[in-house]
PDB file of all heavy atoms in Angstrom:
ATOM      1  N   GLY A   1     113.408 -33.170 251.721  1.00  0.00           N
ATOM      2  CA  GLY A   1     113.954 -33.162 253.074  1.00  0.00           C
ATOM      3  C   GLY A   1     115.038 -32.118 253.236  1.00  0.00           C
ATOM      4  O   GLY A   1     115.130 -31.450 254.269  1.00  0.00           O
ATOM      5  N   LEU A   2     115.853 -31.958 252.199  1.00  0.00           N
ATOM      6  CA  LEU A   2     116.889 -30.947 252.246  1.00  0.00           C
ATOM      7  C   LEU A   2     116.289 -29.546 252.272  1.00  0.00           C
ATOM      8  O   LEU A   2     116.758 -28.671 253.007  1.00  0.00           O
ATOM      9  CB  LEU A   2     117.821 -31.101 251.037  1.00  0.00           C
ATOM     10  CG  LEU A   2     118.956 -30.077 250.920  1.00  0.00           C
ATOM     11  CD1 LEU A   2     119.850 -30.132 252.144  1.00  0.00           C
ATOM     12  CD2 LEU A   2     119.767 -30.333 249.657  1.00  0.00           C
ATOM     13  N   LEU A   3     115.235 -29.344 251.509  1.00  0.00           N
ATOM     14  CA  LEU A   3     114.569 -28.043 251.515  1.00  0.00           C
ATOM     15  C   LEU A   3     113.972 -27.748 252.882  1.00  0.00           C
ATOM     16  O   LEU A   3     114.024 -26.612 253.363  1.00  0.00           O
ATOM     17  CB  LEU A   3     113.487 -28.002 250.433  1.00  0.00           C
ATOM     18  CG  LEU A   3     113.979 -27.996 248.983  1.00  0.00           C
ATOM     19  CD1 LEU A   3     112.791 -28.059 248.032  1.00  0.00           C
ATOM     20  CD2 LEU A   3     114.810 -26.759 248.716  1.00  0.00           C
ATOM     21  N   GLN A   4     113.394 -28.756 253.523  1.00  0.00           N
ATOM     22  CA  GLN A   4     112.829 -28.551 254.851  1.00  0.00           C
ATOM     23  C   GLN A   4     113.917 -28.181 255.858  1.00  0.00           C
ATOM     24  O   GLN A   4     113.736 -27.302 256.697  1.00  0.00           O
ATOM     25  CB  GLN A   4     112.082 -29.804 255.312  1.00  0.00           C
ATOM     26  CG  GLN A   4     110.823 -30.086 254.494  1.00  0.00           C
ATOM     27  CD  GLN A   4     110.177 -31.412 254.866  1.00  0.00           C
ATOM     28  OE1 GLN A   4     110.818 -32.248 255.517  1.00  0.00           O
ATOM     29  NE2 GLN A   4     108.940 -31.616 254.456  1.00  0.00           N
ATOM     30  N   ALA A   5     115.062 -28.860 255.756  1.00  0.00           N
ATOM     31  CA  ALA A   5     116.173 -28.528 256.658  1.00  0.00           C
ATOM     32  C   ALA A   5     116.686 -27.126 256.403  1.00  0.00           C
ATOM     33  O   ALA A   5     117.023 -26.392 257.333  1.00  0.00           O
ATOM     34  CB  ALA A   5     117.302 -29.547 256.488  1.00  0.00           C
ATOM     35  N   ALA A   6     116.758 -26.744 255.123  1.00  0.00           N
ATOM     36  CA  ALA A   6     117.223 -25.401 254.790  1.00  0.00           C
ATOM     37  C   ALA A   6     116.260 -24.350 255.308  1.00  0.00           C
ATOM     38  O   ALA A   6     116.681 -23.319 255.843  1.00  0.00           O
ATOM     39  CB  ALA A   6     117.386 -25.269 253.275  1.00  0.00           C
ATOM     40  N   ALA A   7     114.966 -24.603 255.166  1.00  0.00           N
ATOM     41  CA  ALA A   7     113.995 -23.650 255.685  1.00  0.00           C
ATOM     42  C   ALA A   7     114.105 -23.522 257.196  1.00  0.00           C
ATOM     43  O   ALA A   7     114.046 -22.430 257.757  1.00  0.00           O
ATOM     44  CB  ALA A   7     112.577 -24.082 255.287  1.00  0.00           C
ATOM     45  N   GLY A   8     114.304 -24.649 257.874  1.00  0.00           N
ATOM     46  CA  GLY A   8     114.470 -24.596 259.322  1.00  0.00           C
ATOM     47  C   GLY A   8     115.714 -23.848 259.740  1.00  0.00           C
ATOM     48  O   GLY A   8     115.721 -23.121 260.723  1.00  0.00           O
ATOM     49  N   SER A   9     116.799 -24.026 258.980  1.00  0.00           N
ATOM     50  CA  SER A   9     118.042 -23.340 259.333  1.00  0.00           C
ATOM     51  C   SER A   9     117.911 -21.844 259.141  1.00  0.00           C
ATOM     52  O   SER A   9     118.472 -21.054 259.901  1.00  0.00           O
ATOM     53  CB  SER A   9     119.209 -23.874 258.496  1.00  0.00           C
ATOM     54  OG  SER A   9     119.052 -23.499 257.136  1.00  0.00           O
ATOM     55  N   LEU A  10     117.142 -21.414 258.134  1.00  0.00           N
ATOM     56  CA  LEU A  10     116.931 -19.978 257.933  1.00  0.00           C
ATOM     57  C   LEU A  10     116.150 -19.385 259.089  1.00  0.00           C
ATOM     58  O   LEU A  10     116.455 -18.297 259.569  1.00  0.00           O
ATOM     59  CB  LEU A  10     116.197 -19.734 256.618  1.00  0.00           C
ATOM     60  CG  LEU A  10     117.006 -19.933 255.337  1.00  0.00           C
ATOM     61  CD1 LEU A  10     116.112 -19.772 254.128  1.00  0.00           C
ATOM     62  CD2 LEU A  10     118.163 -18.942 255.273  1.00  0.00           C
ATOM     63  N   LEU A  11     115.156 -20.122 259.555  1.00  0.00           N
ATOM     64  CA  LEU A  11     114.355 -19.617 260.658  1.00  0.00           C
ATOM     65  C   LEU A  11     115.137 -19.618 261.960  1.00  0.00           C
ATOM     66  O   LEU A  11     114.983 -18.736 262.795  1.00  0.00           O
ATOM     67  CB  LEU A  11     113.081 -20.468 260.818  1.00  0.00           C
ATOM     68  CG  LEU A  11     112.083 -20.382 259.645  1.00  0.00           C
ATOM     69  CD1 LEU A  11     110.936 -21.342 259.891  1.00  0.00           C
ATOM     70  CD2 LEU A  11     111.566 -18.958 259.477  1.00  0.00           C
ATOM     71  N   ALA A  12     116.023 -20.636 262.125  1.00  0.00           N
ATOM     72  CA  ALA A  12     116.803 -20.738 263.359  1.00  0.00           C
ATOM     73  C   ALA A  12     118.129 -20.017 263.282  1.00  0.00           C
ATOM     74  O   ALA A  12     118.894 -20.028 264.236  1.00  0.00           O
ATOM     75  CB  ALA A  12     117.045 -22.213 263.685  1.00  0.00           C
ATOM     76  N   ARG A  13     118.435 -19.442 262.105  1.00  0.00           N
ATOM     77  CA  ARG A  13     119.709 -18.763 261.880  1.00  0.00           C
ATOM     78  C   ARG A  13     120.874 -19.704 262.150  1.00  0.00           C
ATOM     79  O   ARG A  13     121.882 -19.358 262.750  1.00  0.00           O
ATOM     80  CB  ARG A  13     119.834 -17.505 262.737  1.00  0.00           C
ATOM     81  CG  ARG A  13     118.894 -16.425 262.285  1.00  0.00           C
ATOM     82  CD  ARG A  13     119.203 -15.117 262.966  1.00  0.00           C
ATOM     83  NE  ARG A  13     118.892 -15.159 264.389  1.00  0.00           N
ATOM     84  CZ  ARG A  13     119.165 -14.186 265.227  1.00  0.00           C
ATOM     85  NH1 ARG A  13     119.786 -13.107 264.807  1.00  0.00           N
ATOM     86  NH2 ARG A  13     118.840 -14.270 266.493  1.00  0.00           N
ATOM     87  N   GLY A  14     120.751 -20.947 261.719  1.00  0.00           N
ATOM     88  CA  GLY A  14     121.822 -21.923 261.837  1.00  0.00           C
ATOM     89  C   GLY A  14     121.683 -22.908 260.719  1.00  0.00           C
ATOM     90  O   GLY A  14     120.788 -22.823 259.893  1.00  0.00           O
ATOM     91  N   GLU A  15     122.555 -23.911 260.641  1.00  0.00           N
ATOM     92  CA  GLU A  15     122.509 -24.889 259.570  1.00  0.00           C
ATOM     93  C   GLU A  15     122.332 -26.266 260.157  1.00  0.00           C
ATOM     94  O   GLU A  15     123.082 -26.688 261.042  1.00  0.00           O
ATOM     95  CB  GLU A  15     123.807 -24.843 258.749  1.00  0.00           C
ATOM     96  CG  GLU A  15     123.769 -25.779 257.567  1.00  0.00           C
ATOM     97  CD  GLU A  15     124.969 -25.612 256.661  1.00  0.00           C
ATOM     98  OE1 GLU A  15     125.778 -24.718 256.919  1.00  0.00           O
ATOM     99  OE2 GLU A  15     125.082 -26.393 255.703  1.00  0.00           O
ATOM    100  N   SER A  16     121.306 -26.978 259.699  1.00  0.00           N
ATOM    101  CA  SER A  16     121.045 -28.334 260.162  1.00  0.00           C
ATOM    102  C   SER A  16     120.822 -29.204 258.947  1.00  0.00           C
ATOM    103  O   SER A  16     119.800 -29.096 258.263  1.00  0.00           O
ATOM    104  CB  SER A  16     119.823 -28.353 261.081  1.00  0.00           C
ATOM    105  OG  SER A  16     119.508 -29.665 261.458  1.00  0.00           O
ATOM    106  N   LEU A  17     121.780 -30.067 258.610  1.00  0.00           N
ATOM    107  CA  LEU A  17     121.704 -30.871 257.402  1.00  0.00           C
ATOM    108  C   LEU A  17     121.190 -32.263 257.725  1.00  0.00           C
ATOM    109  O   LEU A  17     121.524 -32.844 258.769  1.00  0.00           O
ATOM    110  CB  LEU A  17     123.088 -30.985 256.753  1.00  0.00           C
ATOM    111  CG  LEU A  17     123.703 -29.674 256.257  1.00  0.00           C
ATOM    112  CD1 LEU A  17     125.075 -29.950 255.682  1.00  0.00           C
ATOM    113  CD2 LEU A  17     122.822 -29.009 255.226  1.00  0.00           C
ATOM    114  N   PRO A  18     120.384 -32.880 256.826  1.00  0.00           N
ATOM    115  CA  PRO A  18     119.947 -34.248 257.024  1.00  0.00           C
ATOM    116  C   PRO A  18     121.114 -35.214 256.869  1.00  0.00           C
ATOM    117  O   PRO A  18     122.198 -34.857 256.401  1.00  0.00           O
ATOM    118  CB  PRO A  18     118.894 -34.442 255.923  1.00  0.00           C
ATOM    119  CG  PRO A  18     119.252 -33.438 254.880  1.00  0.00           C
ATOM    120  CD  PRO A  18     119.822 -32.268 255.611  1.00  0.00           C
ATOM    121  N   LEU A  19     120.875 -36.473 257.249  1.00  0.00           N
ATOM    122  CA  LEU A  19     121.944 -37.466 257.254  1.00  0.00           C
ATOM    123  C   LEU A  19     122.555 -37.667 255.882  1.00  0.00           C
ATOM    124  O   LEU A  19     123.781 -37.716 255.744  1.00  0.00           O
ATOM    125  CB  LEU A  19     121.404 -38.799 257.807  1.00  0.00           C
ATOM    126  CG  LEU A  19     122.413 -39.953 257.840  1.00  0.00           C
ATOM    127  CD1 LEU A  19     123.588 -39.590 258.729  1.00  0.00           C
ATOM    128  CD2 LEU A  19     121.729 -41.224 258.327  1.00  0.00           C
ATOM    129  N   ASP A  20     121.721 -37.795 254.826  1.00  0.00           N
ATOM    130  CA  ASP A  20     122.278 -38.036 253.498  1.00  0.00           C
ATOM    131  C   ASP A  20     123.122 -36.860 253.040  1.00  0.00           C
ATOM    132  O   ASP A  20     124.127 -37.038 252.345  1.00  0.00           O
ATOM    133  CB  ASP A  20     121.146 -38.317 252.494  1.00  0.00           C
ATOM    134  CG  ASP A  20     120.194 -37.131 252.368  1.00  0.00           C
ATOM    135  OD1 ASP A  20     120.014 -36.403 253.355  1.00  0.00           O
ATOM    136  OD2 ASP A  20     119.641 -36.943 251.269  1.00  0.00           O
ATOM    137  N   ARG A  21     122.751 -35.658 253.447  1.00  0.00           N
ATOM    138  CA  ARG A  21     123.527 -34.484 253.062  1.00  0.00           C
ATOM    139  C   ARG A  21     124.886 -34.479 253.769  1.00  0.00           C
ATOM    140  O   ARG A  21     125.905 -34.129 253.180  1.00  0.00           O
ATOM    141  CB  ARG A  21     122.734 -33.232 253.413  1.00  0.00           C
ATOM    142  CG  ARG A  21     123.298 -31.956 252.828  1.00  0.00           C
ATOM    143  CD  ARG A  21     123.211 -31.963 251.335  1.00  0.00           C
ATOM    144  NE  ARG A  21     123.568 -30.669 250.772  1.00  0.00           N
ATOM    145  CZ  ARG A  21     123.709 -30.440 249.490  1.00  0.00           C
ATOM    146  NH1 ARG A  21     123.530 -31.435 248.628  1.00  0.00           N
ATOM    147  NH2 ARG A  21     124.027 -29.249 249.054  1.00  0.00           N
ATOM    148  N   ARG A  22     124.896 -34.867 255.032  1.00  0.00           N
ATOM    149  CA  ARG A  22     126.161 -34.916 255.756  1.00  0.00           C
ATOM    150  C   ARG A  22     127.065 -36.001 255.203  1.00  0.00           C
ATOM    151  O   ARG A  22     128.286 -35.828 255.137  1.00  0.00           O
ATOM    152  CB  ARG A  22     125.884 -35.151 257.249  1.00  0.00           C
ATOM    153  CG  ARG A  22     125.130 -34.007 257.917  1.00  0.00           C
ATOM    154  CD  ARG A  22     125.260 -34.077 259.427  1.00  0.00           C
ATOM    155  NE  ARG A  22     124.671 -35.301 259.962  1.00  0.00           N
ATOM    156  CZ  ARG A  22     123.420 -35.390 260.387  1.00  0.00           C
ATOM    157  NH1 ARG A  22     122.626 -34.334 260.332  1.00  0.00           N
ATOM    158  NH2 ARG A  22     122.961 -36.519 260.876  1.00  0.00           N
ATOM    159  N   VAL A  23     126.486 -37.151 254.792  1.00  0.00           N
ATOM    160  CA  VAL A  23     127.290 -38.214 254.189  1.00  0.00           C
ATOM    161  C   VAL A  23     127.904 -37.733 252.878  1.00  0.00           C
ATOM    162  O   VAL A  23     129.086 -37.960 252.595  1.00  0.00           O
ATOM    163  CB  VAL A  23     126.426 -39.480 253.963  1.00  0.00           C
ATOM    164  CG1 VAL A  23     127.186 -40.507 253.145  1.00  0.00           C
ATOM    165  CG2 VAL A  23     126.003 -40.062 255.300  1.00  0.00           C
ATOM    166  N   ALA A  24     127.095 -37.042 252.055  1.00  0.00           N
ATOM    167  CA  ALA A  24     127.606 -36.537 250.787  1.00  0.00           C
ATOM    168  C   ALA A  24     128.748 -35.560 251.014  1.00  0.00           C
ATOM    169  O   ALA A  24     129.781 -35.607 250.334  1.00  0.00           O
ATOM    170  CB  ALA A  24     126.475 -35.869 249.999  1.00  0.00           C
ATOM    171  N   ARG A  25     128.587 -34.678 251.984  1.00  0.00           N
ATOM    172  CA  ARG A  25     129.645 -33.698 252.237  1.00  0.00           C
ATOM    173  C   ARG A  25     130.892 -34.391 252.750  1.00  0.00           C
ATOM    174  O   ARG A  25     132.021 -33.974 252.442  1.00  0.00           O
ATOM    175  CB  ARG A  25     129.147 -32.664 253.236  1.00  0.00           C
ATOM    176  CG  ARG A  25     130.183 -31.644 253.645  1.00  0.00           C
ATOM    177  CD  ARG A  25     129.581 -30.537 254.493  1.00  0.00           C
ATOM    178  NE  ARG A  25     128.642 -29.734 253.738  1.00  0.00           N
ATOM    179  CZ  ARG A  25     128.035 -28.652 254.229  1.00  0.00           C
ATOM    180  NH1 ARG A  25     128.271 -28.270 255.465  1.00  0.00           N
ATOM    181  NH2 ARG A  25     127.194 -27.962 253.483  1.00  0.00           N
ATOM    182  N   ALA A  26     130.753 -35.454 253.557  1.00  0.00           N
ATOM    183  CA  ALA A  26     131.907 -36.145 254.121  1.00  0.00           C
ATOM    184  C   ALA A  26     132.769 -36.784 253.044  1.00  0.00           C
ATOM    185  O   ALA A  26     133.993 -36.883 253.196  1.00  0.00           O
ATOM    186  CB  ALA A  26     131.446 -37.198 255.130  1.00  0.00           C
ATOM    187  N   VAL A  27     132.174 -37.229 251.939  1.00  0.00           N
ATOM    188  CA  VAL A  27     132.934 -37.876 250.860  1.00  0.00           C
ATOM    189  C   VAL A  27     133.216 -36.926 249.715  1.00  0.00           C
ATOM    190  O   VAL A  27     133.687 -37.340 248.665  1.00  0.00           O
ATOM    191  CB  VAL A  27     132.182 -39.118 250.343  1.00  0.00           C
ATOM    192  CG1 VAL A  27     132.042 -40.155 251.438  1.00  0.00           C
ATOM    193  CG2 VAL A  27     130.804 -38.743 249.788  1.00  0.00           C
ATOM    194  N   GLY A  28     132.932 -35.646 249.898  1.00  0.00           N
ATOM    195  CA  GLY A  28     133.269 -34.661 248.885  1.00  0.00           C
ATOM    196  C   GLY A  28     132.263 -34.517 247.771  1.00  0.00           C
ATOM    197  O   GLY A  28     132.590 -33.957 246.712  1.00  0.00           O
ATOM    198  N   LEU A  29     131.016 -34.994 247.963  1.00  0.00           N
ATOM    199  CA  LEU A  29     129.986 -34.872 246.945  1.00  0.00           C
ATOM    200  C   LEU A  29     128.924 -33.880 247.403  1.00  0.00           C
ATOM    201  O   LEU A  29     128.888 -33.463 248.562  1.00  0.00           O
ATOM    202  CB  LEU A  29     129.343 -36.238 246.673  1.00  0.00           C
ATOM    203  CG  LEU A  29     130.283 -37.333 246.138  1.00  0.00           C
ATOM    204  CD1 LEU A  29     129.530 -38.647 246.012  1.00  0.00           C
ATOM    205  CD2 LEU A  29     130.885 -36.934 244.796  1.00  0.00           C
ATOM    206  N   ASP A  30     128.063 -33.525 246.457  1.00  0.00           N
ATOM    207  CA  ASP A  30     126.949 -32.631 246.773  1.00  0.00           C
ATOM    208  C   ASP A  30     125.640 -33.394 246.959  1.00  0.00           C
ATOM    209  O   ASP A  30     124.696 -32.867 247.548  1.00  0.00           O
ATOM    210  CB  ASP A  30     126.773 -31.593 245.658  1.00  0.00           C
ATOM    211  CG  ASP A  30     127.968 -30.659 245.569  1.00  0.00           C
ATOM    212  OD1 ASP A  30     128.541 -30.358 246.621  1.00  0.00           O
ATOM    213  OD2 ASP A  30     128.335 -30.253 244.459  1.00  0.00           O
ATOM    214  N   GLU A  31     125.580 -34.613 246.457  1.00  0.00           N
ATOM    215  CA  GLU A  31     124.319 -35.355 246.499  1.00  0.00           C
ATOM    216  C   GLU A  31     124.605 -36.847 246.595  1.00  0.00           C
ATOM    217  O   GLU A  31     125.393 -37.399 245.819  1.00  0.00           O
ATOM    218  CB  GLU A  31     123.487 -35.066 245.244  1.00  0.00           C
ATOM    219  CG  GLU A  31     122.177 -35.821 245.180  1.00  0.00           C
ATOM    220  CD  GLU A  31     121.445 -35.595 243.862  1.00  0.00           C
ATOM    221  OE1 GLU A  31     122.103 -35.206 242.880  1.00  0.00           O
ATOM    222  OE2 GLU A  31     120.226 -35.838 243.837  1.00  0.00           O
ATOM    223  N   VAL A  32     123.995 -37.514 247.555  1.00  0.00           N
ATOM    224  CA  VAL A  32     123.958 -38.976 247.661  1.00  0.00           C
ATOM    225  C   VAL A  32     122.530 -39.319 248.053  1.00  0.00           C
ATOM    226  O   VAL A  32     122.129 -39.128 249.200  1.00  0.00           O
ATOM    227  CB  VAL A  32     124.955 -39.516 248.704  1.00  0.00           C
ATOM    228  CG1 VAL A  32     124.803 -41.025 248.833  1.00  0.00           C
ATOM    229  CG2 VAL A  32     126.382 -39.172 248.315  1.00  0.00           C
ATOM    230  N   THR A  33     121.725 -39.784 247.091  1.00  0.00           N
ATOM    231  CA  THR A  33     120.307 -40.002 247.355  1.00  0.00           C
ATOM    232  C   THR A  33     119.880 -41.372 246.823  1.00  0.00           C
ATOM    233  O   THR A  33     120.489 -41.939 245.908  1.00  0.00           O
ATOM    234  CB  THR A  33     119.437 -38.929 246.684  1.00  0.00           C
ATOM    235  OG1 THR A  33     119.671 -38.944 245.270  1.00  0.00           O
ATOM    236  CG2 THR A  33     119.763 -37.563 247.226  1.00  0.00           C
ATOM    237  N   LEU A  34     118.811 -41.869 247.417  1.00  0.00           N
ATOM    238  CA  LEU A  34     118.144 -43.092 246.960  1.00  0.00           C
ATOM    239  C   LEU A  34     116.715 -42.712 246.629  1.00  0.00           C
ATOM    240  O   LEU A  34     115.973 -42.236 247.480  1.00  0.00           O
ATOM    241  CB  LEU A  34     118.179 -44.173 248.048  1.00  0.00           C
ATOM    242  CG  LEU A  34     117.445 -45.477 247.726  1.00  0.00           C
ATOM    243  CD1 LEU A  34     118.133 -46.198 246.570  1.00  0.00           C
ATOM    244  CD2 LEU A  34     117.373 -46.369 248.954  1.00  0.00           C
ATOM    245  N   ARG A  35     116.326 -42.890 245.380  1.00  0.00           N
ATOM    246  CA  ARG A  35     114.981 -42.506 244.978  1.00  0.00           C
ATOM    247  C   ARG A  35     114.331 -43.631 244.180  1.00  0.00           C
ATOM    248  O   ARG A  35     115.000 -44.492 243.613  1.00  0.00           O
ATOM    249  CB  ARG A  35     115.003 -41.202 244.195  1.00  0.00           C
ATOM    250  CG  ARG A  35     115.921 -41.131 243.007  1.00  0.00           C
ATOM    251  CD  ARG A  35     115.781 -39.772 242.339  1.00  0.00           C
ATOM    252  NE  ARG A  35     116.584 -39.638 241.142  1.00  0.00           N
ATOM    253  CZ  ARG A  35     117.724 -38.970 241.062  1.00  0.00           C
ATOM    254  NH1 ARG A  35     118.217 -38.386 242.140  1.00  0.00           N
ATOM    255  NH2 ARG A  35     118.387 -38.880 239.931  1.00  0.00           N
ATOM    256  N   GLY A  36     113.008 -43.545 244.102  1.00  0.00           N
ATOM    257  CA  GLY A  36     112.255 -44.618 243.503  1.00  0.00           C
ATOM    258  C   GLY A  36     111.862 -44.388 242.072  1.00  0.00           C
ATOM    259  O   GLY A  36     111.193 -45.224 241.481  1.00  0.00           O
ATOM    260  N   ALA A  37     112.252 -43.299 241.476  1.00  0.00           N
ATOM    261  CA  ALA A  37     111.919 -43.062 240.078  1.00  0.00           C
ATOM    262  C   ALA A  37     112.990 -42.188 239.481  1.00  0.00           C
ATOM    263  O   ALA A  37     113.537 -41.307 240.119  1.00  0.00           O
ATOM    264  CB  ALA A  37     110.554 -42.391 239.940  1.00  0.00           C
ATOM    265  N   GLY A  38     113.299 -42.425 238.231  1.00  0.00           N
ATOM    266  CA  GLY A  38     114.307 -41.641 237.550  1.00  0.00           C
ATOM    267  C   GLY A  38     114.415 -42.096 236.121  1.00  0.00           C
ATOM    268  O   GLY A  38     113.561 -42.817 235.603  1.00  0.00           O
ATOM    269  N   GLU A  39     115.513 -41.682 235.480  1.00  0.00           N
ATOM    270  CA  GLU A  39     115.690 -42.096 234.095  1.00  0.00           C
ATOM    271  C   GLU A  39     115.913 -43.596 234.005  1.00  0.00           C
ATOM    272  O   GLU A  39     115.576 -44.242 233.031  1.00  0.00           O
ATOM    273  CB  GLU A  39     116.883 -41.340 233.493  1.00  0.00           C
ATOM    274  CG  GLU A  39     116.614 -39.870 233.195  1.00  0.00           C
ATOM    275  CD  GLU A  39     116.685 -39.000 234.434  1.00  0.00           C
ATOM    276  OE1 GLU A  39     116.841 -39.552 235.539  1.00  0.00           O
ATOM    277  OE2 GLU A  39     116.560 -37.767 234.289  1.00  0.00           O
ATOM    278  N   ALA A  40     116.552 -44.177 235.017  1.00  0.00           N
ATOM    279  CA  ALA A  40     116.708 -45.632 235.060  1.00  0.00           C
ATOM    280  C   ALA A  40     115.480 -46.242 235.714  1.00  0.00           C
ATOM    281  O   ALA A  40     114.789 -45.615 236.511  1.00  0.00           O
ATOM    282  CB  ALA A  40     117.967 -45.998 235.843  1.00  0.00           C
ATOM    283  N   GLU A  41     115.185 -47.513 235.397  1.00  0.00           N
ATOM    284  CA  GLU A  41     113.989 -48.173 235.918  1.00  0.00           C
ATOM    285  C   GLU A  41     114.218 -48.628 237.344  1.00  0.00           C
ATOM    286  O   GLU A  41     115.315 -49.014 237.733  1.00  0.00           O
ATOM    287  CB  GLU A  41     113.634 -49.377 235.038  1.00  0.00           C
ATOM    288  CG  GLU A  41     113.237 -48.998 233.622  1.00  0.00           C
ATOM    289  CD  GLU A  41     112.859 -50.205 232.809  1.00  0.00           C
ATOM    290  OE1 GLU A  41     112.917 -51.328 233.347  1.00  0.00           O
ATOM    291  OE2 GLU A  41     112.491 -50.028 231.655  1.00  0.00           O
ATOM    292  N   GLY A  42     113.136 -48.638 238.152  1.00  0.00           N
ATOM    293  CA  GLY A  42     113.208 -49.101 239.524  1.00  0.00           C
ATOM    294  C   GLY A  42     113.905 -48.113 240.424  1.00  0.00           C
ATOM    295  O   GLY A  42     114.070 -46.949 240.104  1.00  0.00           O
ATOM    296  N   ASN A  43     114.318 -48.597 241.600  1.00  0.00           N
ATOM    297  CA  ASN A  43     115.028 -47.748 242.532  1.00  0.00           C
ATOM    298  C   ASN A  43     116.441 -47.480 242.021  1.00  0.00           C
ATOM    299  O   ASN A  43     117.100 -48.369 241.476  1.00  0.00           O
ATOM    300  CB  ASN A  43     115.097 -48.399 243.906  1.00  0.00           C
ATOM    301  CG  ASN A  43     113.729 -48.517 244.547  1.00  0.00           C
ATOM    302  OD1 ASN A  43     112.870 -47.675 244.318  1.00  0.00           O
ATOM    303  ND2 ASN A  43     113.518 -49.569 245.329  1.00  0.00           N
ATOM    304  N   VAL A  44     116.903 -46.292 242.241  1.00  0.00           N
ATOM    305  CA  VAL A  44     118.243 -45.917 241.806  1.00  0.00           C
ATOM    306  C   VAL A  44     118.927 -45.170 242.935  1.00  0.00           C
ATOM    307  O   VAL A  44     118.287 -44.506 243.755  1.00  0.00           O
ATOM    308  CB  VAL A  44     118.215 -45.031 240.532  1.00  0.00           C
ATOM    309  CG1 VAL A  44     117.604 -45.776 239.365  1.00  0.00           C
ATOM    310  CG2 VAL A  44     117.472 -43.736 240.782  1.00  0.00           C
ATOM    311  N   VAL A  45     120.260 -45.293 242.988  1.00  0.00           N
ATOM    312  CA  VAL A  45     121.065 -44.504 243.882  1.00  0.00           C
ATOM    313  C   VAL A  45     121.816 -43.490 243.024  1.00  0.00           C
ATOM    314  O   VAL A  45     122.349 -43.833 241.962  1.00  0.00           O
ATOM    315  CB  VAL A  45     122.042 -45.386 244.695  1.00  0.00           C
ATOM    316  CG1 VAL A  45     122.965 -46.179 243.798  1.00  0.00           C
ATOM    317  CG2 VAL A  45     122.847 -44.540 245.671  1.00  0.00           C
ATOM    318  N   ALA A  46     121.812 -42.245 243.446  1.00  0.00           N
ATOM    319  CA  ALA A  46     122.374 -41.161 242.640  1.00  0.00           C
ATOM    320  C   ALA A  46     123.473 -40.457 243.414  1.00  0.00           C
ATOM    321  O   ALA A  46     123.343 -40.211 244.621  1.00  0.00           O
ATOM    322  CB  ALA A  46     121.284 -40.172 242.243  1.00  0.00           C
ATOM    323  N   PHE A  47     124.558 -40.153 242.701  1.00  0.00           N
ATOM    324  CA  PHE A  47     125.671 -39.387 243.242  1.00  0.00           C
ATOM    325  C   PHE A  47     125.849 -38.152 242.368  1.00  0.00           C
ATOM    326  O   PHE A  47     125.883 -38.268 241.133  1.00  0.00           O
ATOM    327  CB  PHE A  47     126.965 -40.210 243.247  1.00  0.00           C
ATOM    328  CG  PHE A  47     126.849 -41.529 243.956  1.00  0.00           C
ATOM    329  CD1 PHE A  47     126.432 -42.669 243.292  1.00  0.00           C
ATOM    330  CD2 PHE A  47     127.143 -41.615 245.316  1.00  0.00           C
ATOM    331  CE1 PHE A  47     126.330 -43.881 243.940  1.00  0.00           C
ATOM    332  CE2 PHE A  47     127.034 -42.826 245.970  1.00  0.00           C
ATOM    333  CZ  PHE A  47     126.625 -43.966 245.298  1.00  0.00           C
TER     334      PHE A  47
END
């Protein structure tokens, strides 16, 4: 989703970030995601 937003911003010559990206930036992080697979089992939240 972030890649899609980045591609759109390049085409529109502007920046449009998804909600999770804006939340991460608001708290001073680069990533706040919820995904269904990772090194830990089941769903994980990553910062």
